[in-house]
């Protein structure tokens, strides 16, 4: 902005302040922000899996320190490409997300697996 610009072309302090408040309000509504900012709960994700390994996209779960994984039937998890864990119905497993590089799931029979981010 030029110093010699006419007064009606200069942004007013009130407009700048309102713009900052508007952006701050939108930021608080964004999901996956650190504790104390924005929503405190994140939405569970459900995956329909079968006999082939299905890669889980980890980006939505990185904001939470842990993730709970439960299924309607028996399924297997492959953690970081080599550790395989069998999970039976009624049980679940909680996985830390900080050091997790990859996660894949599969089941002998089609089943629904629910991944729930956990903050506490």
PDB file of N, CA and C in Angstrom:
ATOM      1  N   UNK A   1       0.848  -1.160   0.000  1.00  0.00           N
ATOM      2  CA  UNK A   1       0.000   0.000   0.000  1.00  0.00           C
ATOM      3  C   UNK A   1       0.897   1.226   0.000  1.00  0.00           C
ATOM      4  N   UNK A   2       0.538   2.187  -0.810  1.00  0.00           N
ATOM      5  CA  UNK A   2       1.324   3.419  -0.896  1.00  0.00           C
ATOM      6  C   UNK A   2       0.886   4.393   0.175  1.00  0.00           C
ATOM      7  N   UNK A   3       1.839   5.154   0.675  1.00  0.00           N
ATOM      8  CA  UNK A   3       1.533   6.149   1.703  1.00  0.00           C
ATOM      9  C   UNK A   3       0.719   7.298   1.135  1.00  0.00           C
ATOM     10  N   UNK A   4       0.843   7.551  -0.163  1.00  0.00           N
ATOM     11  CA  UNK A   4       0.103   8.669  -0.760  1.00  0.00           C
ATOM     12  C   UNK A   4      -1.234   8.239  -1.364  1.00  0.00           C
ATOM     13  N   UNK A   5      -1.662   7.034  -1.090  1.00  0.00           N
ATOM     14  CA  UNK A   5      -2.951   6.553  -1.604  1.00  0.00           C
ATOM     15  C   UNK A   5      -4.082   7.319  -0.929  1.00  0.00           C
ATOM     16  N   UNK A   6      -5.155   7.543  -1.671  1.00  0.00           N
ATOM     17  CA  UNK A   6      -6.300   8.258  -1.073  1.00  0.00           C
ATOM     18  C   UNK A   6      -6.843   7.484   0.134  1.00  0.00           C
ATOM     19  N   UNK A   7      -7.415   8.190   1.114  1.00  0.00           N
ATOM     20  CA  UNK A   7      -7.887   7.544   2.339  1.00  0.00           C
ATOM     21  C   UNK A   7      -8.904   6.435   2.094  1.00  0.00           C
ATOM     22  N   UNK A   8      -9.745   6.534   1.080  1.00  0.00           N
ATOM     23  CA  UNK A   8     -10.764   5.514   0.855  1.00  0.00           C
ATOM     24  C   UNK A   8     -10.186   4.220   0.286  1.00  0.00           C
ATOM     25  N   UNK A   9      -8.908   4.184  -0.091  1.00  0.00           N
ATOM     26  CA  UNK A   9      -8.272   2.976  -0.592  1.00  0.00           C
ATOM     27  C   UNK A   9      -7.426   2.267   0.464  1.00  0.00           C
ATOM     28  N   UNK A  10      -7.239   2.879   1.622  1.00  0.00           N
ATOM     29  CA  UNK A  10      -6.469   2.254   2.685  1.00  0.00           C
ATOM     30  C   UNK A  10      -7.366   1.301   3.483  1.00  0.00           C
ATOM     31  N   UNK A  11      -6.849   0.119   3.856  1.00  0.00           N
ATOM     32  CA  UNK A  11      -7.680  -0.777   4.666  1.00  0.00           C
ATOM     33  C   UNK A  11      -7.883  -0.180   6.049  1.00  0.00           C
ATOM     34  N   UNK A  12      -9.069  -0.297   6.532  1.00  0.00           N
ATOM     35  CA  UNK A  12      -9.368   0.240   7.850  1.00  0.00           C
ATOM     36  C   UNK A  12      -8.992  -0.784   8.903  1.00  0.00           C
ATOM     37  N   UNK A  13      -8.562  -0.297  10.041  1.00  0.00           N
ATOM     38  CA  UNK A  13      -8.146  -1.164  11.130  1.00  0.00           C
ATOM     39  C   UNK A  13      -9.277  -2.085  11.563  1.00  0.00           C
ATOM     40  N   UNK A  14     -10.498  -1.592  11.540  1.00  0.00           N
ATOM     41  CA  UNK A  14     -11.646  -2.417  11.923  1.00  0.00           C
ATOM     42  C   UNK A  14     -11.806  -3.597  10.972  1.00  0.00           C
ATOM     43  N   UNK A  15     -11.636  -3.387   9.676  1.00  0.00           N
ATOM     44  CA  UNK A  15     -11.758  -4.476   8.705  1.00  0.00           C
ATOM     45  C   UNK A  15     -10.653  -5.514   8.891  1.00  0.00           C
ATOM     46  N   UNK A  16      -9.457  -5.041   9.188  1.00  0.00           N
ATOM     47  CA  UNK A  16      -8.348  -5.967   9.426  1.00  0.00           C
ATOM     48  C   UNK A  16      -8.639  -6.800  10.671  1.00  0.00           C
ATOM     49  N   UNK A  17      -9.116  -6.171  11.728  1.00  0.00           N
ATOM     50  CA  UNK A  17      -9.441  -6.878  12.964  1.00  0.00           C
ATOM     51  C   UNK A  17     -10.542  -7.907  12.754  1.00  0.00           C
ATOM     52  N   UNK A  18     -11.574  -7.541  12.008  1.00  0.00           N
ATOM     53  CA  UNK A  18     -12.657  -8.479  11.726  1.00  0.00           C
ATOM     54  C   UNK A  18     -12.176  -9.658  10.892  1.00  0.00           C
ATOM     55  N   UNK A  19     -11.278  -9.400   9.966  1.00  0.00           N
ATOM     56  CA  UNK A  19     -10.725 -10.469   9.143  1.00  0.00           C
ATOM     57  C   UNK A  19      -9.927 -11.448  10.002  1.00  0.00           C
ATOM     58  N   UNK A  20      -9.123 -10.928  10.917  1.00  0.00           N
ATOM     59  CA  UNK A  20      -8.341 -11.786  11.807  1.00  0.00           C
ATOM     60  C   UNK A  20      -9.268 -12.629  12.676  1.00  0.00           C
ATOM     61  N   UNK A  21     -10.322 -12.044  13.223  1.00  0.00           N
ATOM     62  CA  UNK A  21     -11.272 -12.793  14.037  1.00  0.00           C
ATOM     63  C   UNK A  21     -11.983 -13.866  13.217  1.00  0.00           C
ATOM     64  N   UNK A  22     -12.331 -13.567  11.987  1.00  0.00           N
ATOM     65  CA  UNK A  22     -12.995 -14.528  11.122  1.00  0.00           C
ATOM     66  C   UNK A  22     -12.090 -15.730  10.856  1.00  0.00           C
ATOM     67  N   UNK A  23     -10.824 -15.482  10.518  1.00  0.00           N
ATOM     68  CA  UNK A  23      -9.882 -16.568  10.252  1.00  0.00           C
ATOM     69  C   UNK A  23      -9.648 -17.389  11.523  1.00  0.00           C
ATOM     70  N   UNK A  24      -9.535 -16.732  12.662  1.00  0.00           N
ATOM     71  CA  UNK A  24      -9.352 -17.447  13.927  1.00  0.00           C
ATOM     72  C   UNK A  24     -10.559 -18.334  14.225  1.00  0.00           C
ATOM     73  N   UNK A  25     -11.761 -17.851  13.957  1.00  0.00           N
ATOM     74  CA  UNK A  25     -12.969 -18.647  14.155  1.00  0.00           C
ATOM     75  C   UNK A  25     -13.004 -19.867  13.263  1.00  0.00           C
ATOM     76  N   UNK A  26     -12.610 -19.717  12.008  1.00  0.00           N
ATOM     77  CA  UNK A  26     -12.563 -20.855  11.095  1.00  0.00           C
ATOM     78  C   UNK A  26     -11.516 -21.874  11.537  1.00  0.00           C
ATOM     79  N   UNK A  27     -10.405 -21.399  12.056  1.00  0.00           N
ATOM     80  CA  UNK A  27      -9.357 -22.296  12.525  1.00  0.00           C
ATOM     81  C   UNK A  27      -9.851 -23.149  13.684  1.00  0.00           C
ATOM     82  N   UNK A  28     -10.652 -22.591  14.562  1.00  0.00           N
ATOM     83  CA  UNK A  28     -11.177 -23.352  15.697  1.00  0.00           C
ATOM     84  C   UNK A  28     -12.157 -24.436  15.256  1.00  0.00           C
ATOM     85  N   UNK A  29     -12.749 -24.260  14.095  1.00  0.00           N
ATOM     86  CA  UNK A  29     -13.682 -25.262  13.592  1.00  0.00           C
ATOM     87  C   UNK A  29     -12.983 -26.390  12.840  1.00  0.00           C
ATOM     88  N   UNK A  30     -11.717 -26.226  12.526  1.00  0.00           N
ATOM     89  CA  UNK A  30     -10.991 -27.238  11.754  1.00  0.00           C
ATOM     90  C   UNK A  30     -10.729 -28.474  12.604  1.00  0.00           C
ATOM     91  N   UNK A  31     -10.913 -29.689  12.026  1.00  0.00           N
ATOM     92  CA  UNK A  31     -10.652 -30.920  12.787  1.00  0.00           C
ATOM     93  C   UNK A  31      -9.168 -31.218  12.896  1.00  0.00           C
ATOM     94  N   UNK A  32      -8.826 -32.014  13.907  1.00  0.00           N
ATOM     95  CA  UNK A  32      -7.461 -32.504  14.036  1.00  0.00           C
ATOM     96  C   UNK A  32      -6.459 -31.513  14.569  1.00  0.00           C
ATOM     97  N   UNK A  33      -6.899 -30.494  15.269  1.00  0.00           N
ATOM     98  CA  UNK A  33      -5.974 -29.528  15.838  1.00  0.00           C
ATOM     99  C   UNK A  33      -5.500 -30.000  17.204  1.00  0.00           C
ATOM    100  N   UNK A  34      -4.405 -29.445  17.709  1.00  0.00           N
ATOM    101  CA  UNK A  34      -3.899 -29.857  19.020  1.00  0.00           C
ATOM    102  C   UNK A  34      -4.919 -29.634  20.130  1.00  0.00           C
ATOM    103  N   UNK A  35      -4.695 -30.298  21.274  1.00  0.00           N
ATOM    104  CA  UNK A  35      -5.602 -30.171  22.418  1.00  0.00           C
ATOM    105  C   UNK A  35      -5.840 -28.713  22.766  1.00  0.00           C
ATOM    106  N   UNK A  36      -7.065 -28.428  23.123  1.00  0.00           N
ATOM    107  CA  UNK A  36      -7.419 -27.076  23.525  1.00  0.00           C
ATOM    108  C   UNK A  36      -7.869 -26.202  22.378  1.00  0.00           C
ATOM    109  N   UNK A  37      -7.680 -26.662  21.149  1.00  0.00           N
ATOM    110  CA  UNK A  37      -8.090 -25.887  19.985  1.00  0.00           C
ATOM    111  C   UNK A  37      -8.986 -26.774  19.140  1.00  0.00           C
ATOM    112  N   UNK A  38     -10.174 -26.313  18.834  1.00  0.00           N
ATOM    113  CA  UNK A  38     -11.062 -27.072  17.965  1.00  0.00           C
ATOM    114  C   UNK A  38     -11.735 -28.225  18.676  1.00  0.00           C
ATOM    115  N   UNK A  39     -12.372 -29.114  17.913  1.00  0.00           N
ATOM    116  CA  UNK A  39     -13.111 -30.232  18.498  1.00  0.00           C
ATOM    117  C   UNK A  39     -12.192 -31.179  19.267  1.00  0.00           C
ATOM    118  N   UNK A  40     -12.717 -31.814  20.312  1.00  0.00           N
ATOM    119  CA  UNK A  40     -11.910 -32.735  21.101  1.00  0.00           C
ATOM    120  C   UNK A  40     -12.166 -34.184  20.717  1.00  0.00           C
ATOM    121  N   UNK A  41     -13.167 -34.444  19.906  1.00  0.00           N
ATOM    122  CA  UNK A  41     -13.425 -35.811  19.461  1.00  0.00           C
ATOM    123  C   UNK A  41     -13.257 -35.892  17.956  1.00  0.00           C
ATOM    124  N   UNK A  42     -12.779 -37.027  17.498  1.00  0.00           N
ATOM    125  CA  UNK A  42     -12.619 -37.238  16.070  1.00  0.00           C
ATOM    126  C   UNK A  42     -13.520 -38.391  15.655  1.00  0.00           C
ATOM    127  N   UNK A  43     -13.921 -38.373  14.443  1.00  0.00           N
ATOM    128  CA  UNK A  43     -14.872 -39.339  13.926  1.00  0.00           C
ATOM    129  C   UNK A  43     -14.219 -40.689  13.645  1.00  0.00           C
ATOM    130  N   UNK A  44     -14.861 -41.776  14.066  1.00  0.00           N
ATOM    131  CA  UNK A  44     -14.356 -43.108  13.718  1.00  0.00           C
ATOM    132  C   UNK A  44     -14.462 -43.345  12.208  1.00  0.00           C
ATOM    133  N   UNK A  45     -13.584 -44.195  11.705  1.00  0.00           N
ATOM    134  CA  UNK A  45     -13.577 -44.558  10.294  1.00  0.00           C
ATOM    135  C   UNK A  45     -13.869 -46.051  10.198  1.00  0.00           C
ATOM    136  N   UNK A  46     -14.753 -46.427   9.288  1.00  0.00           N
ATOM    137  CA  UNK A  46     -15.071 -47.839   9.085  1.00  0.00           C
ATOM    138  C   UNK A  46     -14.556 -48.285   7.727  1.00  0.00           C
ATOM    139  N   UNK A  47     -13.951 -49.470   7.713  1.00  0.00           N
ATOM    140  CA  UNK A  47     -13.437 -50.057   6.479  1.00  0.00           C
ATOM    141  C   UNK A  47     -14.060 -51.423   6.273  1.00  0.00           C
ATOM    142  N   UNK A  48     -14.522 -51.687   5.063  1.00  0.00           N
ATOM    143  CA  UNK A  48     -14.983 -53.030   4.692  1.00  0.00           C
ATOM    144  C   UNK A  48     -13.767 -53.746   4.127  1.00  0.00           C
ATOM    145  N   UNK A  49     -13.368 -54.852   4.771  1.00  0.00           N
ATOM    146  CA  UNK A  49     -12.151 -55.542   4.353  1.00  0.00           C
ATOM    147  C   UNK A  49     -12.456 -56.972   3.944  1.00  0.00           C
ATOM    148  N   UNK A  50     -11.537 -57.552   3.210  1.00  0.00           N
ATOM    149  CA  UNK A  50     -11.660 -58.929   2.743  1.00  0.00           C
ATOM    150  C   UNK A  50     -10.326 -59.630   2.858  1.00  0.00           C
ATOM    151  N   UNK A  51     -10.075 -60.646   2.006  1.00  0.00           N
ATOM    152  CA  UNK A  51      -8.872 -61.467   2.138  1.00  0.00           C
ATOM    153  C   UNK A  51      -7.570 -60.786   1.699  1.00  0.00           C
ATOM    154  N   UNK A  52      -7.651 -59.718   0.942  1.00  0.00           N
ATOM    155  CA  UNK A  52      -6.433 -59.015   0.513  1.00  0.00           C
ATOM    156  C   UNK A  52      -6.062 -57.952   1.555  1.00  0.00           C
ATOM    157  N   UNK A  53      -4.774 -57.694   1.712  1.00  0.00           N
ATOM    158  CA  UNK A  53      -4.335 -56.653   2.637  1.00  0.00           C
ATOM    159  C   UNK A  53      -4.836 -55.300   2.152  1.00  0.00           C
ATOM    160  N   UNK A  54      -5.464 -54.555   3.053  1.00  0.00           N
ATOM    161  CA  UNK A  54      -5.983 -53.223   2.752  1.00  0.00           C
ATOM    162  C   UNK A  54      -5.163 -52.212   3.538  1.00  0.00           C
ATOM    163  N   UNK A  55      -4.535 -51.275   2.836  1.00  0.00           N
ATOM    164  CA  UNK A  55      -3.715 -50.253   3.472  1.00  0.00           C
ATOM    165  C   UNK A  55      -4.608 -49.201   4.126  1.00  0.00           C
ATOM    166  N   UNK A  56      -4.315 -48.864   5.377  1.00  0.00           N
ATOM    167  CA  UNK A  56      -5.050 -47.831   6.106  1.00  0.00           C
ATOM    168  C   UNK A  56      -4.308 -46.518   5.922  1.00  0.00           C
ATOM    169  N   UNK A  57      -5.024 -45.481   5.504  1.00  0.00           N
ATOM    170  CA  UNK A  57      -4.437 -44.153   5.388  1.00  0.00           C
ATOM    171  C   UNK A  57      -4.291 -43.579   6.785  1.00  0.00           C
ATOM    172  N   UNK A  58      -3.067 -43.305   7.207  1.00  0.00           N
ATOM    173  CA  UNK A  58      -2.807 -42.891   8.590  1.00  0.00           C
ATOM    174  C   UNK A  58      -2.941 -41.389   8.822  1.00  0.00           C
ATOM    175  N   UNK A  59      -2.929 -40.584   7.782  1.00  0.00           N
ATOM    176  CA  UNK A  59      -2.966 -39.129   7.954  1.00  0.00           C
ATOM    177  C   UNK A  59      -4.114 -38.639   8.844  1.00  0.00           C
ATOM    178  N   UNK A  60      -5.349 -39.145   8.701  1.00  0.00           N
ATOM    179  CA  UNK A  60      -6.429 -38.648   9.564  1.00  0.00           C
ATOM    180  C   UNK A  60      -6.248 -39.003  11.039  1.00  0.00           C
ATOM    181  N   UNK A  61      -5.383 -39.947  11.351  1.00  0.00           N
ATOM    182  CA  UNK A  61      -5.220 -40.408  12.732  1.00  0.00           C
ATOM    183  C   UNK A  61      -3.988 -39.821  13.411  1.00  0.00           C
ATOM    184  N   UNK A  62      -3.172 -39.082  12.713  1.00  0.00           N
ATOM    185  CA  UNK A  62      -1.930 -38.549  13.271  1.00  0.00           C
ATOM    186  C   UNK A  62      -2.165 -37.518  14.374  1.00  0.00           C
ATOM    187  N   UNK A  63      -3.311 -36.858  14.375  1.00  0.00           N
ATOM    188  CA  UNK A  63      -3.588 -35.839  15.398  1.00  0.00           C
ATOM    189  C   UNK A  63      -3.870 -36.460  16.766  1.00  0.00           C
ATOM    190  N   UNK A  64      -4.197 -37.727  16.801  1.00  0.00           N
ATOM    191  CA  UNK A  64      -4.485 -38.419  18.068  1.00  0.00           C
ATOM    192  C   UNK A  64      -3.289 -39.294  18.438  1.00  0.00           C
ATOM    193  N   UNK A  65      -2.974 -39.424  19.720  1.00  0.00           N
ATOM    194  CA  UNK A  65      -1.827 -40.239  20.113  1.00  0.00           C
ATOM    195  C   UNK A  65      -2.048 -41.743  19.971  1.00  0.00           C
ATOM    196  N   UNK A  66      -3.313 -42.167  19.995  1.00  0.00           N
ATOM    197  CA  UNK A  66      -3.637 -43.591  19.899  1.00  0.00           C
ATOM    198  C   UNK A  66      -4.841 -43.799  18.986  1.00  0.00           C
ATOM    199  N   UNK A  67      -4.980 -45.053  18.531  1.00  0.00           N
ATOM    200  CA  UNK A  67      -6.103 -45.430  17.687  1.00  0.00           C
ATOM    201  C   UNK A  67      -6.602 -46.793  18.155  1.00  0.00           C
ATOM    202  N   UNK A  68      -7.915 -46.906  18.339  1.00  0.00           N
ATOM    203  CA  UNK A  68      -8.539 -48.173  18.705  1.00  0.00           C
ATOM    204  C   UNK A  68      -9.036 -48.839  17.421  1.00  0.00           C
ATOM    205  N   UNK A  69      -8.757 -50.147  17.290  1.00  0.00           N
ATOM    206  CA  UNK A  69      -9.181 -50.893  16.107  1.00  0.00           C
ATOM    207  C   UNK A  69     -10.033 -52.071  16.578  1.00  0.00           C
ATOM    208  N   UNK A  70     -11.278 -52.140  16.090  1.00  0.00           N
ATOM    209  CA  UNK A  70     -12.214 -53.209  16.446  1.00  0.00           C
ATOM    210  C   UNK A  70     -12.907 -53.687  15.170  1.00  0.00           C
ATOM    211  N   UNK A  71     -13.356 -54.945  15.205  1.00  0.00           N
ATOM    212  CA  UNK A  71     -14.015 -55.485  14.027  1.00  0.00           C
ATOM    213  C   UNK A  71     -15.203 -56.346  14.365  1.00  0.00           C
ATOM    214  N   UNK A  72     -16.075 -56.522  13.366  1.00  0.00           N
ATOM    215  CA  UNK A  72     -17.249 -57.353  13.525  1.00  0.00           C
ATOM    216  C   UNK A  72     -16.932 -58.838  13.409  1.00  0.00           C
ATOM    217  N   UNK A  73     -15.779 -59.166  12.893  1.00  0.00           N
ATOM    218  CA  UNK A  73     -15.333 -60.550  12.761  1.00  0.00           C
ATOM    219  C   UNK A  73     -13.840 -60.616  13.039  1.00  0.00           C
ATOM    220  N   UNK A  74     -13.291 -61.820  12.948  1.00  0.00           N
ATOM    221  CA  UNK A  74     -11.855 -61.977  13.155  1.00  0.00           C
ATOM    222  C   UNK A  74     -11.109 -61.336  11.984  1.00  0.00           C
ATOM    223  N   UNK A  75     -10.069 -60.582  12.291  1.00  0.00           N
ATOM    224  CA  UNK A  75      -9.259 -59.953  11.252  1.00  0.00           C
ATOM    225  C   UNK A  75      -7.806 -59.897  11.708  1.00  0.00           C
ATOM    226  N   UNK A  76      -6.929 -59.565  10.778  1.00  0.00           N
ATOM    227  CA  UNK A  76      -5.497 -59.468  11.064  1.00  0.00           C
ATOM    228  C   UNK A  76      -5.014 -58.062  10.757  1.00  0.00           C
ATOM    229  N   UNK A  77      -4.072 -57.586  11.569  1.00  0.00           N
ATOM    230  CA  UNK A  77      -3.388 -56.313  11.344  1.00  0.00           C
ATOM    231  C   UNK A  77      -1.948 -56.604  10.972  1.00  0.00           C
ATOM    232  N   UNK A  78      -1.435 -55.872  10.006  1.00  0.00           N
ATOM    233  CA  UNK A  78       0.002 -55.936   9.718  1.00  0.00           C
ATOM    234  C   UNK A  78       0.555 -54.561  10.028  1.00  0.00           C
ATOM    235  N   UNK A  79       1.400 -54.506  11.063  1.00  0.00           N
ATOM    236  CA  UNK A  79       1.936 -53.244  11.563  1.00  0.00           C
ATOM    237  C   UNK A  79       3.346 -53.046  11.018  1.00  0.00           C
ATOM    238  N   UNK A  80       3.582 -51.913  10.399  1.00  0.00           N
ATOM    239  CA  UNK A  80       4.893 -51.543   9.845  1.00  0.00           C
ATOM    240  C   UNK A  80       5.449 -52.585   8.878  1.00  0.00           C
ATOM    241  N   UNK A  81       4.562 -53.296   8.205  1.00  0.00           N
ATOM    242  CA  UNK A  81       4.972 -54.209   7.149  1.00  0.00           C
ATOM    243  C   UNK A  81       5.418 -55.589   7.564  1.00  0.00           C
ATOM    244  N   UNK A  82       5.585 -55.857   8.891  1.00  0.00           N
ATOM    245  CA  UNK A  82       6.077 -57.183   9.236  1.00  0.00           C
ATOM    246  C   UNK A  82       5.410 -57.824  10.458  1.00  0.00           C
ATOM    247  N   UNK A  83       4.904 -57.090  11.399  1.00  0.00           N
ATOM    248  CA  UNK A  83       4.279 -57.693  12.579  1.00  0.00           C
ATOM    249  C   UNK A  83       2.801 -57.925  12.306  1.00  0.00           C
ATOM    250  N   UNK A  84       2.340 -59.159  12.413  1.00  0.00           N
ATOM    251  CA  UNK A  84       0.937 -59.492  12.161  1.00  0.00           C
ATOM    252  C   UNK A  84       0.277 -59.838  13.495  1.00  0.00           C
ATOM    253  N   UNK A  85      -0.875 -59.223  13.733  1.00  0.00           N
ATOM    254  CA  UNK A  85      -1.626 -59.430  14.969  1.00  0.00           C
ATOM    255  C   UNK A  85      -3.031 -59.893  14.599  1.00  0.00           C
ATOM    256  N   UNK A  86      -3.504 -60.947  15.250  1.00  0.00           N
ATOM    257  CA  UNK A  86      -4.860 -61.463  15.031  1.00  0.00           C
ATOM    258  C   UNK A  86      -5.778 -60.841  16.079  1.00  0.00           C
ATOM    259  N   UNK A  87      -6.913 -60.304  15.623  1.00  0.00           N
ATOM    260  CA  UNK A  87      -7.883 -59.680  16.517  1.00  0.00           C
ATOM    261  C   UNK A  87      -9.216 -60.402  16.350  1.00  0.00           C
ATOM    262  N   UNK A  88      -9.797 -60.829  17.467  1.00  0.00           N
ATOM    263  CA  UNK A  88     -11.056 -61.572  17.422  1.00  0.00           C
ATOM    264  C   UNK A  88     -12.221 -60.642  17.745  1.00  0.00           C
ATOM    265  N   UNK A  89     -13.460 -61.015  17.333  1.00  0.00           N
ATOM    266  CA  UNK A  89     -14.621 -60.179  17.621  1.00  0.00           C
ATOM    267  C   UNK A  89     -14.794 -59.987  19.133  1.00  0.00           C
ATOM    268  N   UNK A  90     -15.227 -58.823  19.519  1.00  0.00           N
ATOM    269  CA  UNK A  90     -15.412 -58.517  20.934  1.00  0.00           C
ATOM    270  C   UNK A  90     -14.160 -57.936  21.557  1.00  0.00           C
ATOM    271  N   UNK A  91     -13.001 -58.289  21.038  1.00  0.00           N
ATOM    272  CA  UNK A  91     -11.746 -57.704  21.498  1.00  0.00           C
ATOM    273  C   UNK A  91     -11.377 -56.586  20.537  1.00  0.00           C
ATOM    274  N   UNK A  92     -10.442 -55.842  20.906  1.00  0.00           N
ATOM    275  CA  UNK A  92      -9.926 -54.797  20.045  1.00  0.00           C
ATOM    276  C   UNK A  92      -8.462 -54.612  20.361  1.00  0.00           C
ATOM    277  N   UNK A  93      -7.850 -53.685  19.686  1.00  0.00           N
ATOM    278  CA  UNK A  93      -6.451 -53.393  19.932  1.00  0.00           C
ATOM    279  C   UNK A  93      -6.278 -51.885  19.862  1.00  0.00           C
ATOM    280  N   UNK A  94      -5.412 -51.367  20.710  1.00  0.00           N
ATOM    281  CA  UNK A  94      -5.093 -49.942  20.692  1.00  0.00           C
ATOM    282  C   UNK A  94      -3.660 -49.805  20.203  1.00  0.00           C
ATOM    283  N   UNK A  95      -3.467 -48.920  19.245  1.00  0.00           N
ATOM    284  CA  UNK A  95      -2.166 -48.737  18.609  1.00  0.00           C
ATOM    285  C   UNK A  95      -1.733 -47.286  18.777  1.00  0.00           C
ATOM    286  N   UNK A  96      -0.480 -47.078  19.157  1.00  0.00           N
ATOM    287  CA  UNK A  96       0.080 -45.727  19.202  1.00  0.00           C
ATOM    288  C   UNK A  96       0.355 -45.244  17.790  1.00  0.00           C
ATOM    289  N   UNK A  97       0.013 -44.010  17.499  1.00  0.00           N
ATOM    290  CA  UNK A  97       0.156 -43.507  16.131  1.00  0.00           C
ATOM    291  C   UNK A  97       1.452 -42.738  15.892  1.00  0.00           C
ATOM    292  N   UNK A  98       2.151 -42.342  16.948  1.00  0.00           N
ATOM    293  CA  UNK A  98       3.333 -41.495  16.783  1.00  0.00           C
ATOM    294  C   UNK A  98       4.435 -42.173  15.966  1.00  0.00           C
ATOM    295  N   UNK A  99       4.720 -43.420  16.235  1.00  0.00           N
ATOM    296  CA  UNK A  99       5.808 -44.120  15.554  1.00  0.00           C
ATOM    297  C   UNK A  99       5.330 -45.077  14.472  1.00  0.00           C
ATOM    298  N   UNK A 100       4.033 -45.143  14.256  1.00  0.00           N
ATOM    299  CA  UNK A 100       3.447 -46.062  13.280  1.00  0.00           C
ATOM    300  C   UNK A 100       3.788 -45.609  11.860  1.00  0.00           C
ATOM    301  N   UNK A 101       4.420 -46.498  11.087  1.00  0.00           N
ATOM    302  CA  UNK A 101       4.782 -46.171   9.706  1.00  0.00           C
ATOM    303  C   UNK A 101       3.732 -46.631   8.706  1.00  0.00           C
ATOM    304  N   UNK A 102       3.151 -47.822   8.960  1.00  0.00           N
ATOM    305  CA  UNK A 102       2.115 -48.324   8.058  1.00  0.00           C
ATOM    306  C   UNK A 102       1.217 -49.290   8.818  1.00  0.00           C
ATOM    307  N   UNK A 103      -0.015 -49.408   8.353  1.00  0.00           N
ATOM    308  CA  UNK A 103      -0.983 -50.310   8.951  1.00  0.00           C
ATOM    309  C   UNK A 103      -1.842 -50.889   7.837  1.00  0.00           C
ATOM    310  N   UNK A 104      -1.955 -52.222   7.833  1.00  0.00           N
ATOM    311  CA  UNK A 104      -2.775 -52.912   6.845  1.00  0.00           C
ATOM    312  C   UNK A 104      -3.695 -53.878   7.584  1.00  0.00           C
ATOM    313  N   UNK A 105      -4.865 -54.123   7.020  1.00  0.00           N
ATOM    314  CA  UNK A 105      -5.827 -55.037   7.630  1.00  0.00           C
ATOM    315  C   UNK A 105      -6.344 -56.016   6.577  1.00  0.00           C
ATOM    316  N   UNK A 106      -6.733 -57.221   7.041  1.00  0.00           N
ATOM    317  CA  UNK A 106      -7.364 -58.199   6.160  1.00  0.00           C
ATOM    318  C   UNK A 106      -8.168 -59.165   7.026  1.00  0.00           C
ATOM    319  N   UNK A 107      -9.121 -59.851   6.388  1.00  0.00           N
ATOM    320  CA  UNK A 107      -9.954 -60.845   7.077  1.00  0.00           C
ATOM    321  C   UNK A 107     -10.239 -61.974   6.099  1.00  0.00           C
ATOM    322  N   UNK A 108     -10.347 -63.194   6.625  1.00  0.00           N
ATOM    323  CA  UNK A 108     -10.645 -64.351   5.777  1.00  0.00           C
ATOM    324  C   UNK A 108     -12.029 -64.200   5.135  1.00  0.00           C
ATOM    325  N   UNK A 109     -12.964 -63.631   5.899  1.00  0.00           N
ATOM    326  CA  UNK A 109     -14.328 -63.390   5.411  1.00  0.00           C
ATOM    327  C   UNK A 109     -14.602 -61.895   5.483  1.00  0.00           C
ATOM    328  N   UNK A 110     -15.387 -61.352   4.550  1.00  0.00           N
ATOM    329  CA  UNK A 110     -15.666 -59.920   4.584  1.00  0.00           C
ATOM    330  C   UNK A 110     -16.176 -59.471   5.961  1.00  0.00           C
ATOM    331  N   UNK A 111     -15.595 -58.421   6.456  1.00  0.00           N
ATOM    332  CA  UNK A 111     -15.989 -57.884   7.762  1.00  0.00           C
ATOM    333  C   UNK A 111     -15.781 -56.378   7.782  1.00  0.00           C
ATOM    334  N   UNK A 112     -16.380 -55.739   8.751  1.00  0.00           N
ATOM    335  CA  UNK A 112     -16.281 -54.291   8.915  1.00  0.00           C
ATOM    336  C   UNK A 112     -15.354 -54.012  10.095  1.00  0.00           C
ATOM    337  N   UNK A 113     -14.334 -53.177   9.870  1.00  0.00           N
ATOM    338  CA  UNK A 113     -13.378 -52.793  10.903  1.00  0.00           C
ATOM    339  C   UNK A 113     -13.564 -51.308  11.195  1.00  0.00           C
ATOM    340  N   UNK A 114     -13.590 -50.964  12.488  1.00  0.00           N
ATOM    341  CA  UNK A 114     -13.756 -49.570  12.911  1.00  0.00           C
ATOM    342  C   UNK A 114     -12.465 -49.072  13.548  1.00  0.00           C
ATOM    343  N   UNK A 115     -11.953 -47.959  13.040  1.00  0.00           N
ATOM    344  CA  UNK A 115     -10.759 -47.321  13.571  1.00  0.00           C
ATOM    345  C   UNK A 115     -11.187 -46.025  14.262  1.00  0.00           C
ATOM    346  N   UNK A 116     -10.901 -45.910  15.556  1.00  0.00           N
ATOM    347  CA  UNK A 116     -11.347 -44.757  16.335  1.00  0.00           C
ATOM    348  C   UNK A 116     -10.146 -44.040  16.936  1.00  0.00           C
ATOM    349  N   UNK A 117      -9.903 -42.771  16.552  1.00  0.00           N
ATOM    350  CA  UNK A 117      -8.821 -42.010  17.172  1.00  0.00           C
ATOM    351  C   UNK A 117      -9.126 -41.759  18.639  1.00  0.00           C
ATOM    352  N   UNK A 118      -8.104 -41.811  19.493  1.00  0.00           N
ATOM    353  CA  UNK A 118      -8.280 -41.587  20.922  1.00  0.00           C
ATOM    354  C   UNK A 118      -7.294 -40.538  21.416  1.00  0.00           C
ATOM    355  N   UNK A 119      -7.806 -39.579  22.146  1.00  0.00           N
ATOM    356  CA  UNK A 119      -6.953 -38.538  22.721  1.00  0.00           C
ATOM    357  C   UNK A 119      -6.533 -38.894  24.132  1.00  0.00           C
ATOM    358  N   UNK A 120      -7.364 -39.563  24.878  1.00  0.00           N
ATOM    359  CA  UNK A 120      -7.054 -39.837  26.288  1.00  0.00           C
ATOM    360  C   UNK A 120      -6.470 -41.190  26.481  1.00  0.00           C
TER     361      UNK A 120
END
